[in-house]
Amino acid sequence: MSALILGATGLCGGSFLRNAIASDKFTEVFTITRRELPSDADNVKQIVETDSSKWAQLFPETGVKFYFSAFGTTRAAAGSAENFYKIDHDLNVELAKAAKTKGCTTMVLVSSVGANENSMLPYFKDKGEIERDILALDFDHTIILRPGPLLGRQKSKGFLDGITCKLSSAIYGTPLQSLFSHPVYGEDVGKVGVDLALQSAALGAKSEKVRIVTSSEIRDIASKI
């Protein structure tokens, strides 16, 4: 079996990569990134391209049955709401279409708690629209992970993110965690995504066609792996 991971330079995508390698179930694990990753695993095949508009063209022609996407950006990094949508939504959907066209059967997407295409909040609306458009591609199996605030970053993405991370870390594992949408470690998000993808392969047609996994479920599943 072969897999491709998008967003492998990030928190959840890096976990996808580590757990895919550790599973010993994938003969090849492809990544598409803007910069090379430190990896000495024999089965990792890195595709490096600084121009993300070319990424869909670089999706391997055959053999990739599992596609993991933890790719995303922020409004600040994108520079504008328009650019944010083009990167976060359009690129995710374009790569998912390429995956489906090339014969991929299982899609694992890192979305977000609160994802809702009808939301008045741009971030949650964007995530909901990504989910909607990827579900419309009709993969044999689609697994959508909706983590709450992510823990485990070495560096915050800004002042507000830094405060959120500190508060989330303080209440992690306490009864108060539900008030903060069940914070979860990025490592656990990747671990659960890979585990559920492999389960879907083992079950075949008996596996759920669509599975949406909440942040609290991610924590529970991760604790049992």
C-alpha atoms as a PDB file:
ATOM      1  CA  MET A   1       0.000   0.000   0.000  1.00  0.00           C
ATOM      2  CA  SER A   2       1.120   3.542  -0.728  1.00  0.00           C
ATOM      3  CA  ALA A   3       0.112   6.850   0.831  1.00  0.00           C
ATOM      4  CA  LEU A   4       0.620  10.546   0.201  1.00  0.00           C
ATOM      5  CA  ILE A   5       0.746  13.146   2.961  1.00  0.00           C
ATOM      6  CA  LEU A   6       0.102  16.829   2.400  1.00  0.00           C
ATOM      7  CA  GLY A   7       1.128  19.215   5.160  1.00  0.00           C
ATOM      8  CA  ALA A   8       3.928  16.996   6.461  1.00  0.00           C
ATOM      9  CA  THR A   9       5.934  20.028   7.620  1.00  0.00           C
ATOM     10  CA  GLY A  10       3.196  20.917  10.125  1.00  0.00           C
ATOM     11  CA  LEU A  11       2.078  19.601  13.503  1.00  0.00           C
ATOM     12  CA  CYS A  12      -0.599  17.098  12.450  1.00  0.00           C
ATOM     13  CA  GLY A  13       0.957  16.303   9.069  1.00  0.00           C
ATOM     14  CA  GLY A  14       4.276  15.541  10.718  1.00  0.00           C
ATOM     15  CA  SER A  15       2.458  13.108  12.964  1.00  0.00           C
ATOM     16  CA  PHE A  16       0.788  11.512   9.927  1.00  0.00           C
ATOM     17  CA  LEU A  17       4.250  10.964   8.474  1.00  0.00           C
ATOM     18  CA  ARG A  18       5.811   9.545  11.655  1.00  0.00           C
ATOM     19  CA  ASN A  19       2.910   7.197  12.294  1.00  0.00           C
ATOM     20  CA  ALA A  20       2.683   6.043   8.684  1.00  0.00           C
ATOM     21  CA  ILE A  21       6.383   5.143   8.791  1.00  0.00           C
ATOM     22  CA  ALA A  22       6.071   3.459  12.182  1.00  0.00           C
ATOM     23  CA  SER A  23       3.121   1.338  11.060  1.00  0.00           C
ATOM     24  CA  ASP A  24       5.249  -0.657   8.563  1.00  0.00           C
ATOM     25  CA  LYS A  25       2.082  -1.035   6.486  1.00  0.00           C
ATOM     26  CA  PHE A  26       2.997   1.333   3.664  1.00  0.00           C
ATOM     27  CA  THR A  27       5.491   0.318   1.007  1.00  0.00           C
ATOM     28  CA  GLU A  28       5.819   3.981  -0.032  1.00  0.00           C
ATOM     29  CA  VAL A  29       4.924   7.210   1.731  1.00  0.00           C
ATOM     30  CA  PHE A  30       4.981  10.258  -0.543  1.00  0.00           C
ATOM     31  CA  THR A  31       5.081  13.860   0.642  1.00  0.00           C
ATOM     32  CA  ILE A  32       4.629  17.069  -1.326  1.00  0.00           C
ATOM     33  CA  THR A  33       6.251  20.036   0.384  1.00  0.00           C
ATOM     34  CA  ARG A  34       7.948  23.368  -0.267  1.00  0.00           C
ATOM     35  CA  ARG A  35      11.095  22.235   1.531  1.00  0.00           C
ATOM     36  CA  GLU A  36      12.841  18.939   2.148  1.00  0.00           C
ATOM     37  CA  LEU A  37      12.091  17.118   5.369  1.00  0.00           C
ATOM     38  CA  PRO A  38      14.669  15.375   7.561  1.00  0.00           C
ATOM     39  CA  SER A  39      13.857  11.692   7.062  1.00  0.00           C
ATOM     40  CA  ASP A  40      16.040   8.638   6.600  1.00  0.00           C
ATOM     41  CA  ALA A  41      13.161   6.178   6.165  1.00  0.00           C
ATOM     42  CA  ASP A  42      13.680   4.091   3.040  1.00  0.00           C
ATOM     43  CA  ASN A  43      10.006   4.152   2.077  1.00  0.00           C
ATOM     44  CA  VAL A  44       9.601   7.961   2.191  1.00  0.00           C
ATOM     45  CA  LYS A  45       9.543   9.600  -1.248  1.00  0.00           C
ATOM     46  CA  GLN A  46       9.776  13.372  -1.033  1.00  0.00           C
ATOM     47  CA  ILE A  47       8.445  15.634  -3.767  1.00  0.00           C
ATOM     48  CA  VAL A  48       9.750  19.171  -3.236  1.00  0.00           C
ATOM     49  CA  GLU A  49       8.206  22.081  -5.118  1.00  0.00           C
ATOM     50  CA  THR A  50       8.178  25.678  -3.893  1.00  0.00           C
ATOM     51  CA  ASP A  51       5.281  26.607  -6.201  1.00  0.00           C
ATOM     52  CA  SER A  52       2.191  25.072  -4.586  1.00  0.00           C
ATOM     53  CA  SER A  53       0.109  25.792  -7.699  1.00  0.00           C
ATOM     54  CA  LYS A  54       1.975  22.877  -9.326  1.00  0.00           C
ATOM     55  CA  TRP A  55       1.338  20.349  -6.560  1.00  0.00           C
ATOM     56  CA  ALA A  56      -1.732  18.704  -8.088  1.00  0.00           C
ATOM     57  CA  GLN A  57       0.296  17.952 -11.220  1.00  0.00           C
ATOM     58  CA  LEU A  58       2.900  16.174  -9.081  1.00  0.00           C
ATOM     59  CA  PHE A  59       0.540  13.662  -7.484  1.00  0.00           C
ATOM     60  CA  PRO A  60       1.965  10.188  -8.286  1.00  0.00           C
ATOM     61  CA  GLU A  61       0.312   8.582 -11.283  1.00  0.00           C
ATOM     62  CA  THR A  62      -0.589   5.228  -9.761  1.00  0.00           C
ATOM     63  CA  GLY A  63      -0.504   3.205  -6.570  1.00  0.00           C
ATOM     64  CA  VAL A  64      -1.446   5.786  -3.930  1.00  0.00           C
ATOM     65  CA  LYS A  65      -4.520   4.457  -2.152  1.00  0.00           C
ATOM     66  CA  PHE A  66      -4.378   6.654   0.969  1.00  0.00           C
ATOM     67  CA  TYR A  67      -4.312  10.436   0.939  1.00  0.00           C
ATOM     68  CA  PHE A  68      -3.775  12.323   4.199  1.00  0.00           C
ATOM     69  CA  SER A  69      -4.192  16.102   4.252  1.00  0.00           C
ATOM     70  CA  ALA A  70      -3.229  18.248   7.217  1.00  0.00           C
ATOM     71  CA  PHE A  71      -2.511  21.165   4.943  1.00  0.00           C
ATOM     72  CA  GLY A  72      -3.674  24.616   5.994  1.00  0.00           C
ATOM     73  CA  THR A  73      -2.694  28.210   6.546  1.00  0.00           C
ATOM     74  CA  THR A  74      -3.762  31.247   8.530  1.00  0.00           C
ATOM     75  CA  ARG A  75      -5.255  34.571   7.463  1.00  0.00           C
ATOM     76  CA  ALA A  76      -2.099  36.328   8.639  1.00  0.00           C
ATOM     77  CA  ALA A  77       0.214  34.040   6.664  1.00  0.00           C
ATOM     78  CA  ALA A  78      -1.970  34.256   3.547  1.00  0.00           C
ATOM     79  CA  GLY A  79      -2.091  38.049   3.654  1.00  0.00           C
ATOM     80  CA  SER A  80      -5.794  38.428   2.908  1.00  0.00           C
ATOM     81  CA  ALA A  81      -9.120  36.619   3.216  1.00  0.00           C
ATOM     82  CA  GLU A  82      -9.082  35.937  -0.521  1.00  0.00           C
ATOM     83  CA  ASN A  83      -5.626  34.374  -0.471  1.00  0.00           C
ATOM     84  CA  PHE A  84      -6.501  32.400   2.653  1.00  0.00           C
ATOM     85  CA  TYR A  85      -9.434  30.787   0.850  1.00  0.00           C
ATOM     86  CA  LYS A  86      -7.390  30.092  -2.280  1.00  0.00           C
ATOM     87  CA  ILE A  87      -4.724  28.300  -0.272  1.00  0.00           C
ATOM     88  CA  ASP A  88      -6.716  26.646   2.487  1.00  0.00           C
ATOM     89  CA  HIS A  89      -9.796  25.622   0.490  1.00  0.00           C
ATOM     90  CA  ASP A  90      -8.907  25.613  -3.187  1.00  0.00           C
ATOM     91  CA  LEU A  91      -5.556  23.845  -2.878  1.00  0.00           C
ATOM     92  CA  ASN A  92      -6.972  21.214  -0.529  1.00  0.00           C
ATOM     93  CA  VAL A  93      -9.840  20.452  -2.888  1.00  0.00           C
ATOM     94  CA  GLU A  94      -7.610  20.509  -5.989  1.00  0.00           C
ATOM     95  CA  LEU A  95      -5.237  17.947  -4.443  1.00  0.00           C
ATOM     96  CA  ALA A  96      -8.155  15.786  -3.309  1.00  0.00           C
ATOM     97  CA  LYS A  97      -9.509  15.799  -6.869  1.00  0.00           C
ATOM     98  CA  ALA A  98      -6.078  14.754  -8.165  1.00  0.00           C
ATOM     99  CA  ALA A  99      -5.986  11.951  -5.599  1.00  0.00           C
ATOM    100  CA  LYS A 100      -9.410  10.665  -6.646  1.00  0.00           C
ATOM    101  CA  THR A 101      -8.507  10.864 -10.333  1.00  0.00           C
ATOM    102  CA  LYS A 102      -5.319   8.852  -9.743  1.00  0.00           C
ATOM    103  CA  GLY A 103      -7.210   6.036  -7.997  1.00  0.00           C
ATOM    104  CA  CYS A 104      -6.944   6.939  -4.326  1.00  0.00           C
ATOM    105  CA  THR A 105      -9.675   5.216  -2.307  1.00  0.00           C
ATOM    106  CA  THR A 106      -9.246   6.586   1.239  1.00  0.00           C
ATOM    107  CA  MET A 107      -9.065  10.268   2.173  1.00  0.00           C
ATOM    108  CA  VAL A 108      -8.147  11.495   5.660  1.00  0.00           C
ATOM    109  CA  LEU A 109      -8.678  15.218   6.280  1.00  0.00           C
ATOM    110  CA  VAL A 110      -7.722  17.327   9.269  1.00  0.00           C
ATOM    111  CA  SER A 111     -10.548  19.849   9.579  1.00  0.00           C
ATOM    112  CA  SER A 112     -11.556  21.703  12.741  1.00  0.00           C
ATOM    113  CA  VAL A 113     -14.040  21.724  15.558  1.00  0.00           C
ATOM    114  CA  GLY A 114     -16.854  24.061  14.509  1.00  0.00           C
ATOM    115  CA  ALA A 115     -16.499  23.354  10.778  1.00  0.00           C
ATOM    116  CA  ASN A 116     -19.775  24.425   9.166  1.00  0.00           C
ATOM    117  CA  GLU A 117     -20.317  25.681   5.639  1.00  0.00           C
ATOM    118  CA  ASN A 118     -23.150  27.892   6.946  1.00  0.00           C
ATOM    119  CA  SER A 119     -21.109  29.488   9.721  1.00  0.00           C
ATOM    120  CA  MET A 120     -20.902  33.279   9.948  1.00  0.00           C
ATOM    121  CA  LEU A 121     -17.262  32.950  10.993  1.00  0.00           C
ATOM    122  CA  PRO A 122     -14.931  32.786   7.945  1.00  0.00           C
ATOM    123  CA  TYR A 123     -12.535  30.171   9.376  1.00  0.00           C
ATOM    124  CA  PHE A 124     -15.257  27.678  10.301  1.00  0.00           C
ATOM    125  CA  LYS A 125     -17.146  28.375   7.077  1.00  0.00           C
ATOM    126  CA  ASP A 126     -13.984  27.649   5.076  1.00  0.00           C
ATOM    127  CA  LYS A 127     -13.423  24.356   6.890  1.00  0.00           C
ATOM    128  CA  GLY A 128     -17.053  23.374   6.359  1.00  0.00           C
ATOM    129  CA  GLU A 129     -16.801  24.104   2.650  1.00  0.00           C
ATOM    130  CA  ILE A 130     -13.619  22.033   2.371  1.00  0.00           C
ATOM    131  CA  GLU A 131     -15.443  19.109   4.020  1.00  0.00           C
ATOM    132  CA  ARG A 132     -18.459  19.563   1.736  1.00  0.00           C
ATOM    133  CA  ASP A 133     -16.400  19.644  -1.463  1.00  0.00           C
ATOM    134  CA  ILE A 134     -14.216  16.696  -0.501  1.00  0.00           C
ATOM    135  CA  LEU A 135     -17.225  14.591   0.487  1.00  0.00           C
ATOM    136  CA  ALA A 136     -18.698  15.371  -2.942  1.00  0.00           C
ATOM    137  CA  LEU A 137     -15.712  13.582  -4.530  1.00  0.00           C
ATOM    138  CA  ASP A 138     -17.129  10.343  -3.133  1.00  0.00           C
ATOM    139  CA  PHE A 139     -14.014   8.461  -2.021  1.00  0.00           C
ATOM    140  CA  ASP A 140     -14.636   4.866  -0.946  1.00  0.00           C
ATOM    141  CA  HIS A 141     -13.753   5.997   2.573  1.00  0.00           C
ATOM    142  CA  THR A 142     -13.490   9.551   3.906  1.00  0.00           C
ATOM    143  CA  ILE A 143     -12.283  10.201   7.450  1.00  0.00           C
ATOM    144  CA  ILE A 144     -12.661  13.760   8.738  1.00  0.00           C
ATOM    145  CA  LEU A 145     -10.850  14.679  11.932  1.00  0.00           C
ATOM    146  CA  ARG A 146     -12.210  17.704  13.785  1.00  0.00           C
ATOM    147  CA  PRO A 147      -9.697  18.564  16.521  1.00  0.00           C
ATOM    148  CA  GLY A 148     -10.199  21.362  19.003  1.00  0.00           C
ATOM    149  CA  PRO A 149      -7.310  23.664  19.962  1.00  0.00           C
ATOM    150  CA  LEU A 150      -4.076  21.924  19.005  1.00  0.00           C
ATOM    151  CA  LEU A 151      -1.391  21.286  21.598  1.00  0.00           C
ATOM    152  CA  GLY A 152       2.252  20.438  21.006  1.00  0.00           C
ATOM    153  CA  ARG A 153       3.398  23.309  18.805  1.00  0.00           C
ATOM    154  CA  GLN A 154       6.948  24.471  19.397  1.00  0.00           C
ATOM    155  CA  LYS A 155       5.955  27.982  18.400  1.00  0.00           C
ATOM    156  CA  SER A 156       2.579  29.749  18.514  1.00  0.00           C
ATOM    157  CA  LYS A 157       1.044  31.316  15.403  1.00  0.00           C
ATOM    158  CA  GLY A 158       0.499  34.668  17.071  1.00  0.00           C
ATOM    159  CA  PHE A 159      -0.534  36.408  20.296  1.00  0.00           C
ATOM    160  CA  LEU A 160      -4.098  35.046  20.397  1.00  0.00           C
ATOM    161  CA  ASP A 161      -2.949  31.547  19.448  1.00  0.00           C
ATOM    162  CA  GLY A 162      -0.325  31.699  22.199  1.00  0.00           C
ATOM    163  CA  ILE A 163      -2.946  32.567  24.819  1.00  0.00           C
ATOM    164  CA  THR A 164      -5.264  29.820  23.544  1.00  0.00           C
ATOM    165  CA  CYS A 165      -2.462  27.238  23.715  1.00  0.00           C
ATOM    166  CA  LYS A 166      -1.574  28.209  27.293  1.00  0.00           C
ATOM    167  CA  LEU A 167      -5.188  28.017  28.452  1.00  0.00           C
ATOM    168  CA  SER A 168      -5.779  24.766  26.570  1.00  0.00           C
ATOM    169  CA  SER A 169      -2.677  23.177  28.095  1.00  0.00           C
ATOM    170  CA  ALA A 170      -3.765  24.262  31.568  1.00  0.00           C
ATOM    171  CA  ILE A 171      -7.200  22.624  31.336  1.00  0.00           C
ATOM    172  CA  TYR A 172      -6.174  19.583  29.246  1.00  0.00           C
ATOM    173  CA  GLY A 173      -7.452  16.410  30.912  1.00  0.00           C
ATOM    174  CA  THR A 174      -9.613  18.312  33.408  1.00  0.00           C
ATOM    175  CA  PRO A 175     -13.410  18.675  33.545  1.00  0.00           C
ATOM    176  CA  LEU A 176     -12.975  22.176  32.110  1.00  0.00           C
ATOM    177  CA  GLN A 177     -11.629  20.925  28.786  1.00  0.00           C
ATOM    178  CA  SER A 178     -15.125  20.746  27.269  1.00  0.00           C
ATOM    179  CA  LEU A 179     -15.379  24.538  27.693  1.00  0.00           C
ATOM    180  CA  PHE A 180     -12.434  24.876  25.295  1.00  0.00           C
ATOM    181  CA  SER A 181     -13.681  22.380  22.680  1.00  0.00           C
ATOM    182  CA  HIS A 182     -11.542  19.516  24.002  1.00  0.00           C
ATOM    183  CA  PRO A 183      -7.923  20.500  23.261  1.00  0.00           C
ATOM    184  CA  VAL A 184      -5.913  17.681  21.705  1.00  0.00           C
ATOM    185  CA  TYR A 185      -2.276  17.013  20.885  1.00  0.00           C
ATOM    186  CA  GLY A 186      -1.359  17.186  17.215  1.00  0.00           C
ATOM    187  CA  GLU A 187       0.553  13.925  17.635  1.00  0.00           C
ATOM    188  CA  ASP A 188      -2.685  12.195  18.616  1.00  0.00           C
ATOM    189  CA  VAL A 189      -4.513  13.624  15.596  1.00  0.00           C
ATOM    190  CA  GLY A 190      -1.969  12.053  13.237  1.00  0.00           C
ATOM    191  CA  LYS A 191      -1.864   8.795  15.147  1.00  0.00           C
ATOM    192  CA  VAL A 192      -5.639   8.403  15.023  1.00  0.00           C
ATOM    193  CA  GLY A 193      -5.855   9.356  11.345  1.00  0.00           C
ATOM    194  CA  VAL A 194      -3.370   6.686  10.307  1.00  0.00           C
ATOM    195  CA  ASP A 195      -4.941   4.068  12.568  1.00  0.00           C
ATOM    196  CA  LEU A 196      -8.465   4.688  11.244  1.00  0.00           C
ATOM    197  CA  ALA A 197      -7.233   4.656   7.636  1.00  0.00           C
ATOM    198  CA  LEU A 198      -5.591   1.268   8.167  1.00  0.00           C
ATOM    199  CA  GLN A 199      -8.756  -0.004   9.842  1.00  0.00           C
ATOM    200  CA  SER A 200     -10.787   1.056   6.808  1.00  0.00           C
ATOM    201  CA  ALA A 201      -8.403  -0.893   4.572  1.00  0.00           C
ATOM    202  CA  ALA A 202      -8.709  -3.988   6.736  1.00  0.00           C
ATOM    203  CA  LEU A 203     -12.517  -3.838   6.804  1.00  0.00           C
ATOM    204  CA  GLY A 204     -12.905  -2.978   3.132  1.00  0.00           C
ATOM    205  CA  ALA A 205     -16.543  -2.633   2.093  1.00  0.00           C
ATOM    206  CA  LYS A 206     -17.651  -3.190   5.699  1.00  0.00           C
ATOM    207  CA  SER A 207     -15.984   0.050   6.799  1.00  0.00           C
ATOM    208  CA  GLU A 208     -17.989   3.264   7.147  1.00  0.00           C
ATOM    209  CA  LYS A 209     -17.984   5.325   3.960  1.00  0.00           C
ATOM    210  CA  VAL A 210     -17.781   8.586   5.905  1.00  0.00           C
ATOM    211  CA  ARG A 211     -16.536   8.971   9.454  1.00  0.00           C
ATOM    212  CA  ILE A 212     -16.373  12.300  11.275  1.00  0.00           C
ATOM    213  CA  VAL A 213     -14.251  12.167  14.420  1.00  0.00           C
ATOM    214  CA  THR A 214     -14.653  14.817  17.125  1.00  0.00           C
ATOM    215  CA  SER A 215     -11.829  16.115  19.280  1.00  0.00           C
ATOM    216  CA  SER A 216     -12.922  14.149  22.351  1.00  0.00           C
ATOM    217  CA  GLU A 217     -13.142  10.991  20.209  1.00  0.00           C
ATOM    218  CA  ILE A 218      -9.628  11.622  18.891  1.00  0.00           C
ATOM    219  CA  ARG A 219      -8.326  11.683  22.478  1.00  0.00           C
ATOM    220  CA  ASP A 220     -10.237   8.534  23.414  1.00  0.00           C
ATOM    221  CA  ILE A 221      -9.100   6.573  20.359  1.00  0.00           C
ATOM    222  CA  ALA A 222      -5.481   7.720  20.763  1.00  0.00           C
ATOM    223  CA  SER A 223      -5.435   6.515  24.381  1.00  0.00           C
ATOM    224  CA  LYS A 224      -6.316   2.998  23.209  1.00  0.00           C
ATOM    225  CA  ILE A 225      -3.849   2.690  20.329  1.00  0.00           C
END
